[in-house]
Amino acid sequence: AKVLEAAGADVMVVECVPAELGKRLAEELTIPVIGIGAGPHCDGQVLVIQDMLGITPGKRPKFSRNFMEGQTSVQAAVRAYVDAVKSVSFPTEEHAF
């Protein structure tokens, strides 16, 4: 990761890595670390819209949560996701590897 940063990477996206690794990367790198299934300690979170709305075919990915559940619109679901990330109530250990 430090080699990529030194080579000029502006951001690092890590997916499906242990939460402790996501935390360590965020602490040790000066560039933003964006996580998807990488624990709550990354600098930012990303979740594709299909996972966010619970419409991914087949089994729900471990790192996702259906934010459409209990909402009346896609806009409300996206707002619920943003609020959950900002309040650090998503992702939780349940969503980590």
N, C-alpha and C. Protein backbone atom coordinates (compact mmCIF):
# COMPACT_ATOMS: atom_id res chain seq x y z
N ALA A 1 0.82 -1.19 0.00
CA ALA A 1 0.00 0.00 0.00
C ALA A 1 0.87 1.26 0.00
N LYS A 2 1.92 1.23 0.79
CA LYS A 2 2.82 2.41 0.83
C LYS A 2 3.54 2.60 -0.49
N VAL A 3 3.84 1.51 -1.19
CA VAL A 3 4.48 1.61 -2.51
C VAL A 3 3.52 2.28 -3.49
N LEU A 4 2.25 1.90 -3.45
CA LEU A 4 1.25 2.53 -4.32
C LEU A 4 1.10 4.01 -4.00
N GLU A 5 1.07 4.33 -2.72
CA GLU A 5 0.98 5.73 -2.31
C GLU A 5 2.21 6.50 -2.81
N ALA A 6 3.39 5.92 -2.63
CA ALA A 6 4.63 6.58 -3.06
C ALA A 6 4.68 6.74 -4.58
N ALA A 7 4.01 5.83 -5.29
CA ALA A 7 3.99 5.89 -6.76
C ALA A 7 3.00 6.93 -7.27
N GLY A 8 2.23 7.53 -6.36
CA GLY A 8 1.33 8.60 -6.77
C GLY A 8 -0.15 8.30 -6.68
N ALA A 9 -0.52 7.18 -6.09
CA ALA A 9 -1.94 6.88 -5.93
C ALA A 9 -2.60 8.00 -5.11
N ASP A 10 -3.78 8.42 -5.54
CA ASP A 10 -4.51 9.48 -4.84
C ASP A 10 -5.50 8.95 -3.82
N VAL A 11 -5.89 7.70 -3.98
CA VAL A 11 -6.87 7.07 -3.10
C VAL A 11 -6.68 5.56 -3.19
N MET A 12 -7.07 4.84 -2.15
CA MET A 12 -7.02 3.39 -2.18
C MET A 12 -8.40 2.86 -1.82
N VAL A 13 -8.91 1.95 -2.64
CA VAL A 13 -10.17 1.28 -2.37
C VAL A 13 -9.84 -0.16 -2.00
N VAL A 14 -10.31 -0.59 -0.84
CA VAL A 14 -10.07 -1.95 -0.38
C VAL A 14 -11.41 -2.64 -0.18
N GLU A 15 -11.50 -3.88 -0.68
CA GLU A 15 -12.76 -4.60 -0.65
C GLU A 15 -12.56 -5.98 -0.03
N CYS A 16 -13.48 -6.32 0.88
CA CYS A 16 -13.50 -7.65 1.50
C CYS A 16 -12.18 -8.00 2.17
N VAL A 17 -11.67 -7.07 2.95
CA VAL A 17 -10.46 -7.34 3.74
C VAL A 17 -10.83 -7.28 5.22
N PRO A 18 -10.06 -7.90 6.08
CA PRO A 18 -10.36 -7.84 7.51
C PRO A 18 -10.44 -6.39 8.01
N ALA A 19 -11.36 -6.14 8.92
CA ALA A 19 -11.57 -4.79 9.45
C ALA A 19 -10.29 -4.21 10.04
N GLU A 20 -9.49 -5.04 10.69
CA GLU A 20 -8.23 -4.55 11.27
C GLU A 20 -7.26 -4.06 10.20
N LEU A 21 -7.27 -4.72 9.03
CA LEU A 21 -6.41 -4.27 7.94
C LEU A 21 -6.90 -2.94 7.40
N GLY A 22 -8.22 -2.79 7.23
CA GLY A 22 -8.77 -1.51 6.79
C GLY A 22 -8.39 -0.39 7.74
N LYS A 23 -8.47 -0.66 9.03
CA LYS A 23 -8.11 0.33 10.05
C LYS A 23 -6.63 0.69 9.96
N ARG A 24 -5.79 -0.32 9.84
CA ARG A 24 -4.34 -0.08 9.78
C ARG A 24 -3.97 0.74 8.54
N LEU A 25 -4.56 0.41 7.40
CA LEU A 25 -4.29 1.17 6.18
C LEU A 25 -4.69 2.63 6.35
N ALA A 26 -5.88 2.85 6.92
CA ALA A 26 -6.37 4.23 7.11
C ALA A 26 -5.45 5.01 8.06
N GLU A 27 -4.91 4.33 9.05
CA GLU A 27 -4.02 4.99 10.01
C GLU A 27 -2.64 5.29 9.42
N GLU A 28 -2.14 4.39 8.60
CA GLU A 28 -0.76 4.50 8.14
C GLU A 28 -0.57 5.24 6.82
N LEU A 29 -1.62 5.34 6.02
CA LEU A 29 -1.49 6.04 4.73
C LEU A 29 -1.94 7.48 4.87
N THR A 30 -1.41 8.34 4.05
CA THR A 30 -1.85 9.74 4.04
C THR A 30 -2.94 9.97 3.01
N ILE A 31 -3.13 9.01 2.09
CA ILE A 31 -4.21 9.12 1.10
C ILE A 31 -5.48 8.51 1.70
N PRO A 32 -6.65 8.92 1.22
CA PRO A 32 -7.90 8.34 1.74
C PRO A 32 -8.00 6.85 1.41
N VAL A 33 -8.50 6.09 2.36
CA VAL A 33 -8.76 4.66 2.18
C VAL A 33 -10.27 4.47 2.22
N ILE A 34 -10.82 4.00 1.11
CA ILE A 34 -12.26 3.79 0.98
C ILE A 34 -12.52 2.30 1.09
N GLY A 35 -13.45 1.92 1.95
CA GLY A 35 -13.72 0.51 2.18
C GLY A 35 -15.05 0.05 1.65
N ILE A 36 -15.06 -1.19 1.21
CA ILE A 36 -16.30 -1.91 0.91
C ILE A 36 -16.09 -3.30 1.50
N GLY A 37 -16.70 -3.51 2.65
CA GLY A 37 -16.45 -4.74 3.38
C GLY A 37 -15.09 -4.74 4.03
N ALA A 38 -14.63 -3.57 4.46
CA ALA A 38 -13.30 -3.43 5.05
C ALA A 38 -13.36 -2.81 6.44
N GLY A 39 -14.52 -2.85 7.08
CA GLY A 39 -14.66 -2.34 8.43
C GLY A 39 -15.00 -0.87 8.51
N PRO A 40 -15.35 -0.41 9.70
CA PRO A 40 -15.83 0.96 9.91
C PRO A 40 -14.74 2.02 10.04
N HIS A 41 -13.48 1.62 10.06
CA HIS A 41 -12.41 2.58 10.35
C HIS A 41 -11.74 3.15 9.11
N CYS A 42 -12.22 2.80 7.93
CA CYS A 42 -11.68 3.40 6.71
C CYS A 42 -12.09 4.86 6.66
N ASP A 43 -11.44 5.62 5.80
CA ASP A 43 -11.74 7.06 5.70
C ASP A 43 -13.09 7.32 5.06
N GLY A 44 -13.59 6.37 4.29
CA GLY A 44 -14.88 6.50 3.64
C GLY A 44 -15.42 5.12 3.32
N GLN A 45 -16.68 5.06 2.93
CA GLN A 45 -17.33 3.80 2.61
C GLN A 45 -17.99 3.91 1.24
N VAL A 46 -18.09 2.77 0.57
CA VAL A 46 -18.81 2.71 -0.70
C VAL A 46 -19.66 1.45 -0.68
N LEU A 47 -20.83 1.54 -1.27
CA LEU A 47 -21.73 0.41 -1.39
C LEU A 47 -22.47 0.60 -2.70
N VAL A 48 -22.39 -0.37 -3.60
CA VAL A 48 -23.08 -0.20 -4.88
C VAL A 48 -24.58 -0.15 -4.65
N ILE A 49 -25.27 0.58 -5.49
CA ILE A 49 -26.69 0.88 -5.28
C ILE A 49 -27.55 -0.38 -5.19
N GLN A 50 -27.22 -1.41 -5.97
CA GLN A 50 -28.01 -2.64 -5.91
C GLN A 50 -27.93 -3.28 -4.53
N ASP A 51 -26.75 -3.27 -3.93
CA ASP A 51 -26.60 -3.81 -2.58
C ASP A 51 -27.29 -2.92 -1.56
N MET A 52 -27.16 -1.62 -1.73
CA MET A 52 -27.77 -0.66 -0.81
C MET A 52 -29.30 -0.79 -0.78
N LEU A 53 -29.89 -1.07 -1.96
CA LEU A 53 -31.35 -1.16 -2.06
C LEU A 53 -31.87 -2.58 -1.88
N GLY A 54 -30.97 -3.53 -1.68
CA GLY A 54 -31.38 -4.92 -1.46
C GLY A 54 -31.91 -5.60 -2.70
N ILE A 55 -31.44 -5.20 -3.88
CA ILE A 55 -31.95 -5.79 -5.13
C ILE A 55 -30.89 -6.61 -5.86
N THR A 56 -29.79 -6.90 -5.21
CA THR A 56 -28.76 -7.75 -5.81
C THR A 56 -29.32 -9.17 -5.92
N PRO A 57 -29.27 -9.77 -7.12
CA PRO A 57 -29.79 -11.14 -7.26
C PRO A 57 -28.98 -12.12 -6.41
N GLY A 58 -29.65 -13.12 -5.91
CA GLY A 58 -28.97 -14.15 -5.14
C GLY A 58 -28.74 -13.74 -3.70
N LYS A 59 -27.73 -14.35 -3.11
CA LYS A 59 -27.43 -14.11 -1.70
C LYS A 59 -26.87 -12.70 -1.49
N ARG A 60 -27.33 -12.03 -0.44
CA ARG A 60 -26.85 -10.69 -0.09
C ARG A 60 -25.38 -10.77 0.31
N PRO A 61 -24.56 -9.89 -0.25
CA PRO A 61 -23.15 -9.87 0.15
C PRO A 61 -23.01 -9.56 1.65
N LYS A 62 -22.06 -10.20 2.29
CA LYS A 62 -21.86 -10.03 3.74
C LYS A 62 -21.66 -8.57 4.12
N PHE A 63 -20.99 -7.81 3.27
CA PHE A 63 -20.65 -6.42 3.60
C PHE A 63 -21.79 -5.44 3.37
N SER A 64 -22.95 -5.93 2.90
CA SER A 64 -24.03 -4.99 2.56
C SER A 64 -25.17 -5.04 3.58
N ARG A 65 -26.02 -4.06 3.47
CA ARG A 65 -27.23 -3.97 4.28
C ARG A 65 -28.32 -3.39 3.39
N ASN A 66 -29.54 -3.88 3.52
CA ASN A 66 -30.65 -3.40 2.72
C ASN A 66 -31.19 -2.11 3.34
N PHE A 67 -30.76 -0.98 2.81
CA PHE A 67 -31.20 0.31 3.34
C PHE A 67 -32.58 0.70 2.84
N MET A 68 -33.11 -0.03 1.87
CA MET A 68 -34.46 0.24 1.38
C MET A 68 -35.50 -0.26 2.37
N GLU A 69 -35.11 -1.27 3.15
CA GLU A 69 -36.03 -1.84 4.14
C GLU A 69 -36.51 -0.76 5.11
N GLY A 70 -37.81 -0.60 5.19
CA GLY A 70 -38.39 0.40 6.07
C GLY A 70 -38.47 1.80 5.48
N GLN A 71 -37.99 1.97 4.24
CA GLN A 71 -38.03 3.28 3.59
C GLN A 71 -39.12 3.30 2.52
N THR A 72 -39.57 4.48 2.16
CA THR A 72 -40.63 4.61 1.15
C THR A 72 -40.12 5.09 -0.19
N SER A 73 -38.84 5.43 -0.28
CA SER A 73 -38.28 5.89 -1.56
C SER A 73 -36.79 5.57 -1.61
N VAL A 74 -36.28 5.55 -2.83
CA VAL A 74 -34.84 5.35 -3.02
C VAL A 74 -34.07 6.49 -2.35
N GLN A 75 -34.58 7.70 -2.48
CA GLN A 75 -33.92 8.85 -1.86
C GLN A 75 -33.80 8.66 -0.34
N ALA A 76 -34.86 8.17 0.28
CA ALA A 76 -34.82 7.94 1.73
C ALA A 76 -33.83 6.83 2.08
N ALA A 77 -33.72 5.81 1.24
CA ALA A 77 -32.77 4.73 1.47
C ALA A 77 -31.33 5.24 1.38
N VAL A 78 -31.06 6.06 0.38
CA VAL A 78 -29.71 6.63 0.23
C VAL A 78 -29.40 7.53 1.43
N ARG A 79 -30.36 8.32 1.86
CA ARG A 79 -30.16 9.18 3.03
C ARG A 79 -29.87 8.32 4.27
N ALA A 80 -30.60 7.21 4.42
CA ALA A 80 -30.37 6.31 5.56
C ALA A 80 -28.95 5.74 5.52
N TYR A 81 -28.46 5.42 4.32
CA TYR A 81 -27.09 4.92 4.17
C TYR A 81 -26.08 6.00 4.58
N VAL A 82 -26.25 7.19 4.06
CA VAL A 82 -25.34 8.30 4.38
C VAL A 82 -25.33 8.55 5.89
N ASP A 83 -26.51 8.60 6.49
CA ASP A 83 -26.60 8.83 7.93
C ASP A 83 -25.92 7.71 8.72
N ALA A 84 -26.10 6.46 8.28
CA ALA A 84 -25.50 5.33 8.98
C ALA A 84 -23.98 5.37 8.90
N VAL A 85 -23.45 5.75 7.74
CA VAL A 85 -21.99 5.85 7.60
C VAL A 85 -21.46 6.99 8.45
N LYS A 86 -22.11 8.14 8.40
CA LYS A 86 -21.64 9.29 9.18
C LYS A 86 -21.68 9.04 10.68
N SER A 87 -22.68 8.30 11.13
CA SER A 87 -22.80 8.02 12.56
C SER A 87 -22.01 6.77 12.98
N VAL A 88 -21.34 6.16 12.04
CA VAL A 88 -20.54 4.95 12.24
C VAL A 88 -21.40 3.79 12.76
N SER A 89 -22.68 3.77 12.38
CA SER A 89 -23.52 2.62 12.70
C SER A 89 -23.54 1.62 11.54
N PHE A 90 -22.86 1.94 10.46
CA PHE A 90 -22.64 1.05 9.33
C PHE A 90 -21.30 1.40 8.73
N PRO A 91 -20.48 0.44 8.42
CA PRO A 91 -20.65 -0.99 8.66
C PRO A 91 -20.33 -1.36 10.10
N THR A 92 -20.85 -2.52 10.51
CA THR A 92 -20.57 -3.05 11.84
C THR A 92 -19.74 -4.32 11.69
N GLU A 93 -19.45 -4.96 12.79
CA GLU A 93 -18.71 -6.24 12.75
C GLU A 93 -19.44 -7.27 11.90
N GLU A 94 -20.77 -7.20 11.89
CA GLU A 94 -21.59 -8.12 11.09
C GLU A 94 -21.23 -8.03 9.60
N HIS A 95 -20.78 -6.87 9.15
CA HIS A 95 -20.49 -6.64 7.74
C HIS A 95 -19.01 -6.78 7.41
N ALA A 96 -18.19 -7.13 8.40
CA ALA A 96 -16.73 -7.17 8.22
C ALA A 96 -16.25 -8.60 7.97
N PHE A 97 -15.03 -8.68 7.51
CA PHE A 97 -14.39 -9.98 7.25
C PHE A 97 -13.31 -10.23 8.27
